[in-house]
PDB file of N, CA and C in Angstrom:
ATOM      1  N   MET A   1       0.838  -1.185   0.000  1.00  0.00           N
ATOM      2  CA  MET A   1       0.000   0.000   0.000  1.00  0.00           C
ATOM      3  C   MET A   1       0.880   1.244   0.000  1.00  0.00           C
ATOM      4  N   HIS A   2       0.496   2.226  -0.794  1.00  0.00           N
ATOM      5  CA  HIS A   2       1.276   3.449  -0.898  1.00  0.00           C
ATOM      6  C   HIS A   2       1.015   4.350   0.300  1.00  0.00           C
ATOM      7  N   PRO A   3       2.046   5.120   0.712  1.00  0.00           N
ATOM      8  CA  PRO A   3       1.806   6.104   1.765  1.00  0.00           C
ATOM      9  C   PRO A   3       0.817   7.147   1.271  1.00  0.00           C
ATOM     10  N   ARG A   4       0.187   7.828   2.198  1.00  0.00           N
ATOM     11  CA  ARG A   4      -0.799   8.843   1.832  1.00  0.00           C
ATOM     12  C   ARG A   4      -0.108  10.010   1.135  1.00  0.00           C
ATOM     13  N   VAL A   5      -0.625  10.371  -0.019  1.00  0.00           N
ATOM     14  CA  VAL A   5      -0.045  11.450  -0.813  1.00  0.00           C
ATOM     15  C   VAL A   5      -1.161  12.381  -1.256  1.00  0.00           C
ATOM     16  N   THR A   6      -0.951  13.668  -1.072  1.00  0.00           N
ATOM     17  CA  THR A   6      -1.888  14.639  -1.607  1.00  0.00           C
ATOM     18  C   THR A   6      -1.645  14.721  -3.102  1.00  0.00           C
ATOM     19  N   CYS A   7      -2.672  14.483  -3.876  1.00  0.00           N
ATOM     20  CA  CYS A   7      -2.495  14.407  -5.328  1.00  0.00           C
ATOM     21  C   CYS A   7      -3.060  15.652  -5.999  1.00  0.00           C
ATOM     22  N   ARG A   8      -2.328  16.746  -5.857  1.00  0.00           N
ATOM     23  CA  ARG A   8      -2.684  18.002  -6.511  1.00  0.00           C
ATOM     24  C   ARG A   8      -1.441  18.521  -7.214  1.00  0.00           C
ATOM     25  N   PRO A   9      -1.115  17.959  -8.366  1.00  0.00           N
ATOM     26  CA  PRO A   9       0.138  18.357  -9.002  1.00  0.00           C
ATOM     27  C   PRO A   9       0.125  19.811  -9.446  1.00  0.00           C
ATOM     28  N   SER A  10       1.103  20.559  -8.991  1.00  0.00           N
ATOM     29  CA  SER A  10       1.255  21.932  -9.453  1.00  0.00           C
ATOM     30  C   SER A  10       2.507  22.055 -10.311  1.00  0.00           C
ATOM     31  N   ALA A  11       3.347  21.035 -10.270  1.00  0.00           N
ATOM     32  CA  ALA A  11       4.575  21.039 -11.061  1.00  0.00           C
ATOM     33  C   ALA A  11       4.261  20.735 -12.516  1.00  0.00           C
ATOM     34  N   GLU A  12       5.152  21.171 -13.383  1.00  0.00           N
ATOM     35  CA  GLU A  12       5.025  20.845 -14.802  1.00  0.00           C
ATOM     36  C   GLU A  12       5.994  19.755 -15.191  1.00  0.00           C
ATOM     37  N   GLY A  13       6.940  19.440 -14.300  1.00  0.00           N
ATOM     38  CA  GLY A  13       7.894  18.384 -14.585  1.00  0.00           C
ATOM     39  C   GLY A  13       8.629  17.954 -13.338  1.00  0.00           C
ATOM     40  N   VAL A  14       9.132  16.722 -13.376  1.00  0.00           N
ATOM     41  CA  VAL A  14       9.906  16.173 -12.266  1.00  0.00           C
ATOM     42  C   VAL A  14      11.091  15.428 -12.862  1.00  0.00           C
ATOM     43  N   LEU A  15      12.299  15.727 -12.394  1.00  0.00           N
ATOM     44  CA  LEU A  15      13.502  15.021 -12.816  1.00  0.00           C
ATOM     45  C   LEU A  15      13.855  14.019 -11.733  1.00  0.00           C
ATOM     46  N   VAL A  16      14.074  12.754 -12.122  1.00  0.00           N
ATOM     47  CA  VAL A  16      14.332  11.687 -11.160  1.00  0.00           C
ATOM     48  C   VAL A  16      15.711  11.099 -11.419  1.00  0.00           C
ATOM     49  N   HIS A  17      16.471  10.853 -10.343  1.00  0.00           N
ATOM     50  CA  HIS A  17      17.763  10.175 -10.440  1.00  0.00           C
ATOM     51  C   HIS A  17      17.698   8.899  -9.631  1.00  0.00           C
ATOM     52  N   ASN A  18      18.012   7.785 -10.260  1.00  0.00           N
ATOM     53  CA  ASN A  18      18.149   6.502  -9.562  1.00  0.00           C
ATOM     54  C   ASN A  18      19.617   6.142  -9.570  1.00  0.00           C
ATOM     55  N   GLY A  19      20.163   5.821  -8.417  1.00  0.00           N
ATOM     56  CA  GLY A  19      21.559   5.427  -8.356  1.00  0.00           C
ATOM     57  C   GLY A  19      22.278   6.142  -7.246  1.00  0.00           C
ATOM     58  N   GLY A  20      23.586   6.071  -7.321  1.00  0.00           N
ATOM     59  CA  GLY A  20      24.415   6.658  -6.290  1.00  0.00           C
ATOM     60  C   GLY A  20      25.039   7.966  -6.735  1.00  0.00           C
ATOM     61  N   VAL A  21      25.978   8.431  -5.932  1.00  0.00           N
ATOM     62  CA  VAL A  21      26.642   9.705  -6.195  1.00  0.00           C
ATOM     63  C   VAL A  21      27.475   9.646  -7.470  1.00  0.00           C
ATOM     64  N   HIS A  22      28.120   8.509  -7.732  1.00  0.00           N
ATOM     65  CA  HIS A  22      29.050   8.401  -8.855  1.00  0.00           C
ATOM     66  C   HIS A  22      28.457   7.728 -10.087  1.00  0.00           C
ATOM     67  N   SER A  23      27.261   7.196  -9.980  1.00  0.00           N
ATOM     68  CA  SER A  23      26.642   6.570 -11.152  1.00  0.00           C
ATOM     69  C   SER A  23      25.134   6.562 -10.963  1.00  0.00           C
ATOM     70  N   GLY A  24      24.426   6.347 -12.029  1.00  0.00           N
ATOM     71  CA  GLY A  24      22.979   6.300 -11.930  1.00  0.00           C
ATOM     72  C   GLY A  24      22.325   6.582 -13.262  1.00  0.00           C
ATOM     73  N   HIS A  25      21.043   6.794 -13.201  1.00  0.00           N
ATOM     74  CA  HIS A  25      20.243   6.992 -14.405  1.00  0.00           C
ATOM     75  C   HIS A  25      19.217   8.086 -14.134  1.00  0.00           C
ATOM     76  N   TYR A  26      19.065   8.990 -15.072  1.00  0.00           N
ATOM     77  CA  TYR A  26      18.075  10.058 -14.971  1.00  0.00           C
ATOM     78  C   TYR A  26      16.913   9.797 -15.922  1.00  0.00           C
ATOM     79  N   TYR A  27      15.724  10.171 -15.495  1.00  0.00           N
ATOM     80  CA  TYR A  27      14.566  10.203 -16.376  1.00  0.00           C
ATOM     81  C   TYR A  27      13.660  11.323 -15.885  1.00  0.00           C
ATOM     82  N   ALA A  28      12.688  11.699 -16.707  1.00  0.00           N
ATOM     83  CA  ALA A  28      11.850  12.850 -16.373  1.00  0.00           C
ATOM     84  C   ALA A  28      10.378  12.545 -16.580  1.00  0.00           C
ATOM     85  N   PHE A  29       9.554  13.185 -15.746  1.00  0.00           N
ATOM     86  CA  PHE A  29       8.104  13.181 -15.916  1.00  0.00           C
ATOM     87  C   PHE A  29       7.712  14.609 -16.283  1.00  0.00           C
ATOM     88  N   ILE A  30       6.956  14.750 -17.378  1.00  0.00           N
ATOM     89  CA  ILE A  30       6.541  16.071 -17.834  1.00  0.00           C
ATOM     90  C   ILE A  30       5.042  16.057 -18.082  1.00  0.00           C
ATOM     91  N   ARG A  31       4.368  17.114 -17.609  1.00  0.00           N
ATOM     92  CA  ARG A  31       2.913  17.215 -17.744  1.00  0.00           C
ATOM     93  C   ARG A  31       2.562  18.101 -18.930  1.00  0.00           C
ATOM     94  N   SER A  32       1.678  17.591 -19.773  1.00  0.00           N
ATOM     95  CA  SER A  32       1.157  18.376 -20.890  1.00  0.00           C
ATOM     96  C   SER A  32       0.230  19.451 -20.335  1.00  0.00           C
ATOM     97  N   THR A  33       0.446  20.691 -20.724  1.00  0.00           N
ATOM     98  CA  THR A  33      -0.425  21.768 -20.245  1.00  0.00           C
ATOM     99  C   THR A  33      -1.766  21.779 -20.976  1.00  0.00           C
ATOM    100  N   LEU A  34      -1.857  21.084 -22.096  1.00  0.00           N
ATOM    101  CA  LEU A  34      -3.118  21.027 -22.843  1.00  0.00           C
ATOM    102  C   LEU A  34      -4.052  19.951 -22.312  1.00  0.00           C
ATOM    103  N   SER A  35      -3.493  18.779 -22.015  1.00  0.00           N
ATOM    104  CA  SER A  35      -4.346  17.646 -21.627  1.00  0.00           C
ATOM    105  C   SER A  35      -4.232  17.271 -20.158  1.00  0.00           C
ATOM    106  N   GLU A  36      -3.260  17.841 -19.441  1.00  0.00           N
ATOM    107  CA  GLU A  36      -2.985  17.493 -18.041  1.00  0.00           C
ATOM    108  C   GLU A  36      -2.441  16.072 -17.901  1.00  0.00           C
ATOM    109  N   GLN A  37      -2.138  15.403 -19.002  1.00  0.00           N
ATOM    110  CA  GLN A  37      -1.576  14.051 -18.975  1.00  0.00           C
ATOM    111  C   GLN A  37      -0.086  14.138 -18.654  1.00  0.00           C
ATOM    112  N   TRP A  38       0.396  13.209 -17.805  1.00  0.00           N
ATOM    113  CA  TRP A  38       1.815  13.114 -17.490  1.00  0.00           C
ATOM    114  C   TRP A  38       2.465  12.086 -18.397  1.00  0.00           C
ATOM    115  N   TYR A  39       3.715  12.376 -18.806  1.00  0.00           N
ATOM    116  CA  TYR A  39       4.490  11.469 -19.647  1.00  0.00           C
ATOM    117  C   TYR A  39       5.844  11.228 -18.991  1.00  0.00           C
ATOM    118  N   LYS A  40       6.334  10.010 -19.122  1.00  0.00           N
ATOM    119  CA  LYS A  40       7.665   9.664 -18.621  1.00  0.00           C
ATOM    120  C   LYS A  40       8.610   9.583 -19.814  1.00  0.00           C
ATOM    121  N   PHE A  41       9.710  10.332 -19.750  1.00  0.00           N
ATOM    122  CA  PHE A  41      10.738  10.326 -20.786  1.00  0.00           C
ATOM    123  C   PHE A  41      11.950   9.592 -20.224  1.00  0.00           C
ATOM    124  N   ASP A  42      12.218   8.409 -20.754  1.00  0.00           N
ATOM    125  CA  ASP A  42      13.306   7.551 -20.269  1.00  0.00           C
ATOM    126  C   ASP A  42      14.113   7.093 -21.483  1.00  0.00           C
ATOM    127  N   ASP A  43      15.204   7.784 -21.739  1.00  0.00           N
ATOM    128  CA  ASP A  43      16.006   7.574 -22.945  1.00  0.00           C
ATOM    129  C   ASP A  43      15.114   7.745 -24.177  1.00  0.00           C
ATOM    130  N   GLU A  44      15.000   6.725 -25.027  1.00  0.00           N
ATOM    131  CA  GLU A  44      14.174   6.855 -26.236  1.00  0.00           C
ATOM    132  C   GLU A  44      12.725   6.468 -26.006  1.00  0.00           C
ATOM    133  N   ARG A  45      12.381   6.048 -24.810  1.00  0.00           N
ATOM    134  CA  ARG A  45      11.031   5.563 -24.530  1.00  0.00           C
ATOM    135  C   ARG A  45      10.194   6.651 -23.848  1.00  0.00           C
ATOM    136  N   VAL A  46       9.000   6.888 -24.380  1.00  0.00           N
ATOM    137  CA  VAL A  46       8.054   7.840 -23.793  1.00  0.00           C
ATOM    138  C   VAL A  46       6.761   7.091 -23.510  1.00  0.00           C
ATOM    139  N   THR A  47       6.282   7.172 -22.248  1.00  0.00           N
ATOM    140  CA  THR A  47       5.060   6.465 -21.866  1.00  0.00           C
ATOM    141  C   THR A  47       4.129   7.405 -21.113  1.00  0.00           C
ATOM    142  N   LYS A  48       2.816   7.142 -21.214  1.00  0.00           N
ATOM    143  CA  LYS A  48       1.838   7.866 -20.408  1.00  0.00           C
ATOM    144  C   LYS A  48       1.941   7.356 -18.981  1.00  0.00           C
ATOM    145  N   GLU A  49       1.826   8.254 -18.010  1.00  0.00           N
ATOM    146  CA  GLU A  49       1.963   7.880 -16.607  1.00  0.00           C
ATOM    147  C   GLU A  49       0.851   8.491 -15.769  1.00  0.00           C
ATOM    148  N   ASN A  50       0.630   7.896 -14.597  1.00  0.00           N
ATOM    149  CA  ASN A  50      -0.332   8.401 -13.631  1.00  0.00           C
ATOM    150  C   ASN A  50       0.433   9.137 -12.547  1.00  0.00           C
ATOM    151  N   TYR A  51       0.214  10.429 -12.415  1.00  0.00           N
ATOM    152  CA  TYR A  51       0.961  11.235 -11.448  1.00  0.00           C
ATOM    153  C   TYR A  51       0.795  10.726 -10.024  1.00  0.00           C
ATOM    154  N   CYS A  52      -0.435  10.406  -9.627  1.00  0.00           N
ATOM    155  CA  CYS A  52      -0.695  10.020  -8.239  1.00  0.00           C
ATOM    156  C   CYS A  52       0.053   8.751  -7.867  1.00  0.00           C
ATOM    157  N   THR A  53       0.070   7.765  -8.748  1.00  0.00           N
ATOM    158  CA  THR A  53       0.789   6.516  -8.482  1.00  0.00           C
ATOM    159  C   THR A  53       2.275   6.779  -8.348  1.00  0.00           C
ATOM    160  N   ASN A  54       2.856   7.552  -9.262  1.00  0.00           N
ATOM    161  CA  ASN A  54       4.282   7.835  -9.214  1.00  0.00           C
ATOM    162  C   ASN A  54       4.650   8.709  -8.034  1.00  0.00           C
ATOM    163  N   ALA A  55       3.816   9.673  -7.684  1.00  0.00           N
ATOM    164  CA  ALA A  55       4.099  10.537  -6.535  1.00  0.00           C
ATOM    165  C   ALA A  55       4.183   9.712  -5.261  1.00  0.00           C
ATOM    166  N   ALA A  56       3.324   8.712  -5.120  1.00  0.00           N
ATOM    167  CA  ALA A  56       3.367   7.840  -3.945  1.00  0.00           C
ATOM    168  C   ALA A  56       4.679   7.070  -3.909  1.00  0.00           C
ATOM    169  N   ASP A  57       5.136   6.582  -5.062  1.00  0.00           N
ATOM    170  CA  ASP A  57       6.409   5.863  -5.125  1.00  0.00           C
ATOM    171  C   ASP A  57       7.581   6.785  -4.815  1.00  0.00           C
ATOM    172  N   TRP A  58       7.559   8.016  -5.327  1.00  0.00           N
ATOM    173  CA  TRP A  58       8.647   8.951  -5.051  1.00  0.00           C
ATOM    174  C   TRP A  58       8.735   9.222  -3.560  1.00  0.00           C
ATOM    175  N   LYS A  59       7.587   9.438  -2.942  1.00  0.00           N
ATOM    176  CA  LYS A  59       7.571   9.740  -1.507  1.00  0.00           C
ATOM    177  C   LYS A  59       8.052   8.539  -0.698  1.00  0.00           C
ATOM    178  N   LYS A  60       7.614   7.344  -1.065  1.00  0.00           N
ATOM    179  CA  LYS A  60       7.987   6.124  -0.338  1.00  0.00           C
ATOM    180  C   LYS A  60       9.486   5.875  -0.429  1.00  0.00           C
ATOM    181  N   ASN A  61      10.089   6.136  -1.590  1.00  0.00           N
ATOM    182  CA  ASN A  61      11.493   5.831  -1.818  1.00  0.00           C
ATOM    183  C   ASN A  61      12.432   6.978  -1.489  1.00  0.00           C
ATOM    184  N   SER A  62      11.901   8.105  -1.051  1.00  0.00           N
ATOM    185  CA  SER A  62      12.721   9.271  -0.764  1.00  0.00           C
ATOM    186  C   SER A  62      13.611   9.027   0.449  1.00  0.00           C
ATOM    187  N   LYS A  63      14.875   9.462   0.342  1.00  0.00           N
ATOM    188  CA  LYS A  63      15.805   9.377   1.467  1.00  0.00           C
ATOM    189  C   LYS A  63      15.807  10.684   2.249  1.00  0.00           C
ATOM    190  N   TYR A  64      14.982  11.619   1.830  1.00  0.00           N
ATOM    191  CA  TYR A  64      14.979  12.941   2.417  1.00  0.00           C
ATOM    192  C   TYR A  64      13.729  13.153   3.257  1.00  0.00           C
ATOM    193  N   ASP A  65      13.210  14.330   3.299  1.00  0.00           N
ATOM    194  CA  ASP A  65      12.088  14.684   4.156  1.00  0.00           C
ATOM    195  C   ASP A  65      10.805  13.980   3.711  1.00  0.00           C
ATOM    196  N   ARG A  66      10.407  12.950   4.454  1.00  0.00           N
ATOM    197  CA  ARG A  66       9.220  12.181   4.097  1.00  0.00           C
ATOM    198  C   ARG A  66       7.925  12.940   4.382  1.00  0.00           C
ATOM    199  N   ASN A  67       8.003  14.067   5.081  1.00  0.00           N
ATOM    200  CA  ASN A  67       6.808  14.854   5.373  1.00  0.00           C
ATOM    201  C   ASN A  67       6.546  15.936   4.333  1.00  0.00           C
ATOM    202  N   GLN A  68       7.473  16.092   3.395  1.00  0.00           N
ATOM    203  CA  GLN A  68       7.326  17.119   2.372  1.00  0.00           C
ATOM    204  C   GLN A  68       6.243  16.700   1.384  1.00  0.00           C
ATOM    205  N   GLN A  69       5.371  17.631   1.027  1.00  0.00           N
ATOM    206  CA  GLN A  69       4.313  17.341   0.059  1.00  0.00           C
ATOM    207  C   GLN A  69       4.924  17.125  -1.311  1.00  0.00           C
ATOM    208  N   VAL A  70       4.474  16.105  -2.007  1.00  0.00           N
ATOM    209  CA  VAL A  70       4.978  15.798  -3.347  1.00  0.00           C
ATOM    210  C   VAL A  70       4.175  16.575  -4.350  1.00  0.00           C
TER     211      VAL A  70
END
């Protein structure tokens, strides 16, 4: 079960880094201002995404302030 997350996205994009200080992988989530749909850009692959589901995962996996609103 995902931690409780307020799902009111005000951001237009989120940059995510998986990995350590010296290596890792970046990908981005970007919201269309026309349709409000979120997309994940991961190298050459672009997929439609659900903001609320991903926000819960970001909050759960965060090593930082777990009380910060996503």
